[in-house]
Structure formats: structure tokens, C-alpha cells
Protein backbone atom coordinates (compact mmCIF):
# COMPACT_ATOMS: atom_id res chain seq x y z
CA MET A 1 118.60 77.15 141.76
CA LEU A 2 115.62 78.52 139.87
CA PRO A 3 117.56 80.71 137.39
CA GLU A 4 119.77 77.70 136.49
CA ILE A 5 117.01 75.07 136.47
CA SER A 6 116.71 74.86 132.66
CA GLU A 7 120.48 74.45 132.26
CA LEU A 8 120.55 71.78 134.97
CA SER A 9 117.85 69.82 133.12
CA SER A 10 120.35 68.73 130.43
CA ASP A 11 123.23 68.08 132.82
CA TYR A 12 124.54 64.55 133.30
CA LEU A 13 123.77 64.63 137.05
CA GLY A 14 121.60 67.75 137.24
CA ASN A 15 118.78 66.18 135.23
CA THR A 16 118.26 63.62 138.01
CA VAL A 17 117.93 66.45 140.57
CA VAL A 18 115.40 68.23 138.33
CA GLN A 19 113.43 64.98 138.03
CA LYS A 20 113.27 64.61 141.83
CA LEU A 21 112.20 68.26 142.27
CA PHE A 22 109.31 67.78 139.82
CA GLU A 23 108.38 64.53 141.51
CA TYR A 24 108.13 65.92 145.06
CA CYS A 25 107.48 69.68 144.84
CA SER A 26 104.08 71.34 145.19
CA GLU A 27 102.13 72.34 142.06
CA SER A 28 103.01 76.03 142.49
CA VAL A 29 106.75 75.29 142.67
CA LYS A 30 106.45 72.95 139.67
CA GLU A 31 104.82 75.78 137.72
CA ALA A 32 107.58 78.21 138.73
CA MET A 33 110.23 75.75 137.53
CA LEU A 34 108.29 74.98 134.36
CA SER A 35 107.99 78.65 133.41
CA GLU A 36 111.83 78.79 133.45
CA ILE A 37 112.22 75.50 131.57
CA ALA A 38 109.39 75.81 129.01
CA PRO A 39 111.22 78.07 126.49
CA HIS A 40 113.97 75.42 126.30
CA LEU A 41 111.85 72.27 126.73
CA ALA A 42 112.06 71.11 123.10
CA GLU A 43 115.84 71.49 123.14
CA ILE A 44 116.07 69.65 126.47
CA GLY A 45 113.83 66.87 125.11
CA VAL A 46 116.23 65.97 122.29
CA HIS A 47 119.30 65.94 124.55
CA LYS A 48 120.61 62.53 125.70
CA ASN A 49 120.47 63.61 129.37
CA GLY A 50 117.75 66.23 129.16
CA THR A 51 115.21 63.90 127.59
CA TRP A 52 114.83 62.06 130.92
CA ALA A 53 114.03 65.32 132.71
CA ALA A 54 111.63 66.37 129.93
CA GLN A 55 109.79 63.03 130.07
CA LYS A 56 109.53 63.20 133.88
CA ILE A 57 108.20 66.80 133.70
CA ILE A 58 105.49 65.65 131.27
CA ASP A 59 104.67 62.53 133.31
CA VAL A 60 104.09 64.46 136.55
CA ALA A 61 102.23 67.44 135.02
CA ARG A 62 98.88 67.56 136.83
CA THR A 63 97.21 70.95 136.29
CA PRO A 64 95.76 72.21 132.98
CA ASP A 65 98.12 75.21 133.16
CA GLN A 66 101.19 72.96 133.35
CA MET A 67 99.95 70.83 130.46
CA LYS A 68 99.17 73.89 128.31
CA MET A 69 102.62 75.33 129.02
CA ILE A 70 104.24 72.04 127.92
CA VAL A 71 102.13 71.77 124.74
CA GLY A 72 102.90 75.40 123.83
CA ALA A 73 106.62 74.76 124.26
CA ILE A 74 106.80 71.55 122.22
CA GLN A 75 104.22 72.10 119.46
CA PRO A 76 106.33 74.40 117.20
CA TYR A 77 109.10 71.77 117.15
CA GLY A 78 106.83 68.75 116.72
CA VAL A 79 108.25 67.44 113.42
CA ALA A 80 111.88 67.71 114.61
CA ALA A 81 110.95 66.01 117.89
CA PHE A 82 109.22 63.11 116.09
CA LEU A 83 112.30 62.54 113.91
CA ASP A 84 114.73 62.57 116.84
CA GLN A 85 115.89 59.44 118.68
CA TYR A 86 115.06 61.03 122.06
CA GLY A 87 112.48 63.64 121.10
CA ASN A 88 110.02 61.09 119.72
CA TYR A 89 109.55 59.68 123.23
CA VAL A 90 108.85 63.18 124.55
CA MET A 91 106.05 63.48 121.95
CA GLN A 92 104.66 60.10 122.98
CA CYS A 93 104.67 61.16 126.67
CA CYS A 94 102.27 64.00 125.80
CA LEU A 95 99.60 61.47 124.72
CA ARG A 96 98.58 61.09 128.37
CA PHE A 97 97.25 64.68 128.37
CA GLN A 98 94.28 63.19 126.44
CA PHE A 99 91.98 64.93 123.96
CA PRO A 100 91.82 67.86 123.25
CA LEU A 101 95.26 68.74 124.70
CA ASN A 102 97.05 65.88 122.93
CA ASN A 103 95.46 66.76 119.58
CA PHE A 104 98.56 68.73 118.61
CA ILE A 105 100.46 65.42 118.23
CA PHE A 106 98.04 64.23 115.56
CA GLU A 107 98.00 67.64 113.88
CA VAL A 108 101.80 67.47 113.56
CA MET A 109 101.56 63.95 112.10
CA LEU A 110 98.85 65.03 109.68
CA SER A 111 100.54 68.23 108.50
CA GLN A 112 103.91 66.58 107.71
CA LEU A 113 102.91 62.92 107.31
CA TRP A 114 105.38 62.03 104.53
CA GLU A 115 108.31 63.82 106.17
CA VAL A 116 107.77 62.18 109.58
CA ALA A 117 106.90 58.74 108.14
CA GLN A 118 110.19 58.47 106.24
CA GLY A 119 112.17 58.75 109.48
CA ARG A 120 113.25 55.66 111.37
CA PHE A 121 112.13 57.14 114.69
CA GLY A 122 109.24 59.14 113.23
CA ALA A 123 107.45 56.17 111.67
CA ARG A 124 107.71 54.03 114.81
CA ALA A 125 106.61 56.87 117.07
CA MET A 126 103.62 57.61 114.83
CA ARG A 127 102.58 53.99 114.91
CA ALA A 128 102.92 53.90 118.72
CA CYS A 129 100.70 57.02 118.96
CA LEU A 130 98.07 55.48 116.67
CA GLU A 131 98.02 52.26 118.73
CA SER A 132 97.91 54.09 122.06
CA HIS A 133 94.78 53.78 124.20
CA TYR A 134 94.96 57.57 124.62
CA ALA A 135 94.22 58.08 120.88
CA THR A 136 90.52 58.71 120.21
CA LYS A 137 88.63 57.00 117.36
CA GLU A 138 88.32 60.38 115.63
CA GLN A 139 92.10 60.95 115.79
CA GLN A 140 92.73 57.44 114.45
CA ARG A 141 90.14 57.87 111.69
CA MET A 142 91.67 61.17 110.60
CA MET A 143 95.12 59.55 110.41
CA ALA A 144 93.76 56.46 108.62
CA ALA A 145 92.36 58.72 105.89
CA ALA A 146 95.74 60.46 105.54
CA VAL A 147 97.58 57.12 105.37
CA ALA A 148 95.23 55.93 102.59
CA LEU A 149 95.83 59.17 100.64
CA HIS A 150 99.61 58.73 100.93
CA GLY A 151 99.40 54.96 100.40
CA VAL A 152 101.56 54.75 97.26
CA GLN A 153 104.38 56.86 98.74
CA LEU A 154 104.30 55.07 102.10
CA ALA A 155 104.37 51.62 100.48
CA THR A 156 107.71 52.33 98.77
CA ASN A 157 109.50 53.39 101.96
CA ALA A 158 110.71 50.86 104.53
CA ASN A 159 109.73 53.16 107.42
CA GLY A 160 106.53 54.49 105.87
CA ALA A 161 105.35 50.92 105.21
CA LEU A 162 105.02 50.49 109.01
CA LEU A 163 102.06 52.89 108.90
CA LEU A 164 100.44 50.88 106.11
CA THR A 165 100.95 47.76 108.24
CA TRP A 166 99.05 49.50 111.05
CA PHE A 167 96.35 50.58 108.55
CA LEU A 168 95.88 47.10 107.04
CA ASP A 169 96.55 44.82 110.04
CA THR A 170 95.84 46.67 113.28
CA CYS A 171 93.22 49.37 112.86
CA THR A 172 89.64 48.13 112.64
CA PHE A 173 87.86 50.64 110.40
CA PRO A 174 85.56 48.90 107.89
CA ASN A 175 86.30 49.05 104.13
CA ARG A 176 89.83 50.35 104.66
CA ARG A 177 91.28 47.96 102.06
CA THR A 178 88.50 48.82 99.63
CA VAL A 179 89.44 52.49 100.00
CA LEU A 180 93.16 51.82 99.49
CA ALA A 181 93.03 49.33 96.59
CA PRO A 182 91.86 51.73 93.81
CA ARG A 183 94.56 54.22 94.82
CA LEU A 184 97.23 51.55 94.25
CA VAL A 185 95.91 50.37 90.86
CA PRO A 186 97.42 53.14 88.63
CA HIS A 187 100.85 52.45 90.18
CA LEU A 188 100.79 48.64 90.26
CA VAL A 189 103.81 48.08 88.00
CA HIS A 190 105.95 50.35 90.17
CA LEU A 191 104.63 48.86 93.44
CA CYS A 192 104.87 45.21 92.39
CA THR A 193 108.48 45.58 91.23
CA HIS A 194 109.58 47.38 94.39
CA LYS A 195 111.33 45.30 97.07
CA VAL A 196 109.25 46.85 99.91
CA ALA A 197 105.98 47.89 98.25
CA TYR A 198 105.03 44.51 96.77
CA LEU A 199 104.28 43.26 100.30
CA THR A 200 101.46 45.83 100.62
CA VAL A 201 99.89 44.53 97.39
CA LEU A 202 100.13 40.95 98.69
CA LYS A 203 98.41 41.93 101.94
CA ILE A 204 95.33 43.16 100.06
CA ILE A 205 95.22 39.96 97.97
CA ASN A 206 95.79 37.56 100.90
CA GLN A 207 92.71 38.47 102.96
CA LYS A 208 89.07 37.32 103.03
CA ASN A 209 87.31 40.20 104.79
CA GLU A 210 87.08 42.55 101.80
CA PRO A 211 86.84 40.44 98.62
CA GLU A 212 86.03 43.52 96.50
CA ALA A 213 89.42 45.04 97.38
CA ARG A 214 91.16 41.79 96.42
CA ASP A 215 89.22 41.57 93.13
CA THR A 216 90.10 45.19 92.26
CA ILE A 217 93.82 44.35 92.50
CA LEU A 218 93.51 40.96 90.72
CA GLN A 219 91.56 42.49 87.81
CA ALA A 220 94.17 45.21 87.40
CA LEU A 221 97.06 42.73 87.67
CA PHE A 222 95.88 40.06 85.26
CA PHE A 223 93.23 41.58 82.99
CA SER A 224 94.58 44.97 81.95
CA PRO A 225 94.34 45.83 78.20
CA ASN A 226 96.99 43.90 76.19
CA ASP A 227 98.30 42.52 79.51
CA HIS A 228 100.17 45.81 79.84
CA THR A 229 100.38 45.72 83.67
CA LEU A 230 101.29 42.02 83.87
CA GLU A 231 104.04 42.41 81.25
CA GLY A 232 105.49 45.40 83.12
CA ILE A 233 105.59 43.41 86.36
CA LEU A 234 106.98 40.19 84.86
CA SER A 235 109.74 42.14 83.10
CA ASP A 236 111.24 42.44 86.59
CA GLN A 237 112.93 39.11 87.26
CA THR A 238 113.22 39.46 91.05
CA CYS A 239 110.38 41.28 92.82
CA GLY A 240 107.89 41.14 89.93
CA ALA A 241 108.27 37.42 89.22
CA THR A 242 108.24 36.63 92.97
CA LEU A 243 105.03 38.59 93.52
CA ILE A 244 103.18 36.91 90.63
CA PHE A 245 104.31 33.47 91.86
CA LYS A 246 103.04 34.25 95.38
CA VAL A 247 99.70 35.48 93.99
CA LEU A 248 99.26 32.35 91.84
CA THR A 249 99.86 30.09 94.84
CA THR A 250 97.39 31.84 97.16
CA PRO A 251 94.18 29.90 97.89
CA LEU A 252 92.21 33.15 97.43
CA LEU A 253 92.74 33.50 93.68
CA GLY A 254 89.07 33.10 92.73
CA ASP A 255 87.01 30.35 91.06
CA ASP A 256 88.47 27.73 88.70
CA LYS A 257 87.50 29.63 85.55
CA MET A 258 89.22 32.82 86.73
CA ARG A 259 92.26 30.84 87.90
CA GLN A 260 92.63 29.19 84.46
CA GLU A 261 92.38 32.55 82.71
CA ILE A 262 95.01 34.06 85.02
CA TYR A 263 97.38 31.14 84.44
CA GLN A 264 96.88 31.41 80.65
CA ASN A 265 97.60 35.16 80.73
CA VAL A 266 100.79 34.59 82.74
CA ARG A 267 101.88 31.87 80.27
CA ASN A 268 101.27 34.19 77.31
CA VAL A 269 103.29 37.03 78.84
CA LEU A 270 106.20 34.73 79.81
CA LEU A 271 106.35 33.40 76.24
CA ARG A 272 106.21 36.92 74.84
CA LEU A 273 109.09 37.95 77.12
CA LYS A 274 111.03 34.81 76.06
CA ALA A 275 111.53 34.13 79.78
CA GLN A 276 114.25 31.65 80.70
CA PRO A 277 114.38 29.56 83.92
CA ALA A 278 117.94 30.74 84.61
CA GLN A 279 116.77 34.37 84.72
CA GLY A 280 114.74 33.79 87.88
CA TYR A 281 111.51 32.55 86.30
CA LYS A 282 111.92 28.83 87.08
CA ARG A 283 109.37 28.55 89.92
CA LEU A 284 106.85 30.62 88.02
CA MET A 285 107.29 28.66 84.77
CA ASP A 286 106.87 25.38 86.67
CA GLU A 287 103.71 26.72 88.33
CA VAL A 288 101.99 27.70 85.04
CA GLY A 289 103.08 24.51 83.21
CA LEU A 290 105.82 25.84 80.96
CA SER A 291 108.56 23.23 80.68
CA THR A 292 111.81 24.44 82.21
CA ARG A 293 113.89 21.35 81.43
CA ASN A 294 115.52 22.57 78.26
């Protein structure tokens, strides 16, 4: 069967036979089979039947030679595997090889972060890798830095935002919000009027652990020259007005003096925009004390 073993790996029934062979054969036989399969392993891994054989082969790999053969076979196709509905699980299986052999996974994520993060399967697989107990602190730190650098792009993509959720909510590196906040400031109007991205801005405002990050965003939102940023955000009747309302009603808005100034600035901008309750500003106008009855 050896000459046909790679073809059998993607067969509806044959893949189950290949799985059993890898489960029960000696290491030398496993290596003989793997040397036949390795050139086709990436292709097998993205096949609806083959993926089960590929995952089993990775799970039962024991010797450094087997692991190196697997890494060598999958690494050149890492981005395509991450973006595939079956291949992303094959990439995740390789985490168990541990550092330094599993480092190629993080190198793939780092080299094509934006491309992989936009994918439905890619983003979720990346997050699973970052949350895995096989990921070292150094690997996580390297990826956290890359996520911060791509923060604006990631925030505006429904899949990419999952990585920002990991960065802000799950990973435990100190000052991560303080690093991210200044990168968001130049793009606040775009982010706060975007149906996905405004949630990232809210997350930085609605937290107590890094008040300097929160203050950086609040200053930029409400105290920009000529209220330029605030006017740009409030010109958007849906996301922009909703975000400002949610910020005004957070208990973390600052002291009374700052709160009064923020409310006054919002009032001024709403009057300048000639905002009407029927346009979607009703809650916000009620909150800042502008009559919405007539």
C-alpha cells in the first residue's frame, strides 16, 4: 500500500485506514509512510476527508524527524491553510509540537496578519493559537505587538476585531490599552462611525485598569480643536450618535467638572448640526438637556 498511501489519505474510507496505520505502526513505519505523504500533506489537510488523516498524523507524531517533516510540508502553505475551513485545524494541531518547532505558526500569522485576520476561519484559528497553552509568552507578546500596530485595520473588520478582543480582554500584558489608544486617535471619526469599530473605542473607555488610555481617547473625542472630531462623529446619526450616548452614560467619564464640559461641548455641536430628534438624536438630546418635545 505504501506507493498509494498519500492517495488513500484523502479517500472517503481510505483515510480511516491511514489513521489506524499511523495509530498502531512502529515509528520507522510511520516515517516511511510520512515520507510518501509529506509532499501532499498540505493538500490532504484542506480536503474534507483528508483533513482527518492529516490531523491524526500530526497528533501521533512522536520523533523530532517526524515533526520536522510535517512542519516542512505545511509551512509553505501556512496562509492558505489558516484561511481554509479544514486546513486551519491542521495548523492548530501543530501547536502541540511546542517551541521552537511550532514557531512557524506564529511566523505565518505575523508575516500575513491582515490577510489571515480578515478570513472567517483565519481570525478564529489565530485567536485559538494565541489562547493555547502551547503558545509561549514571547510568541504571544510578538503577536500582541503586531495586533496593536494593525489596530485600526483590525477594528474595522468583523473577523479582525476578534483579535482586538483577545488583545483587550484576554491577554494580560500591562499597558496594552495605553499602547493602542494613541494609534486610534488620528482615526477616531472613522472608527466611531463604523458599525464594528466603535465597539473597540468603547472597550478602552469602559475600563478602570488603564485610566491614561481612557483619558487619551476622551480628550481626543471631546476636546479636539473647534470640536472637529466630535462634529465628525455626531454627523453620523446611527453609529456616531450611539457611541457618544454610550460614552456619556458610562460611570467612568471623569470628575464633575470634566463631565459638565463634555456635556456642554456635545450640546454645542448638536445645535450647530441643527440635530433633530427624529433623525436618531432623541436619546442623546434628552441626555444633554436639549428639549426634544417640539
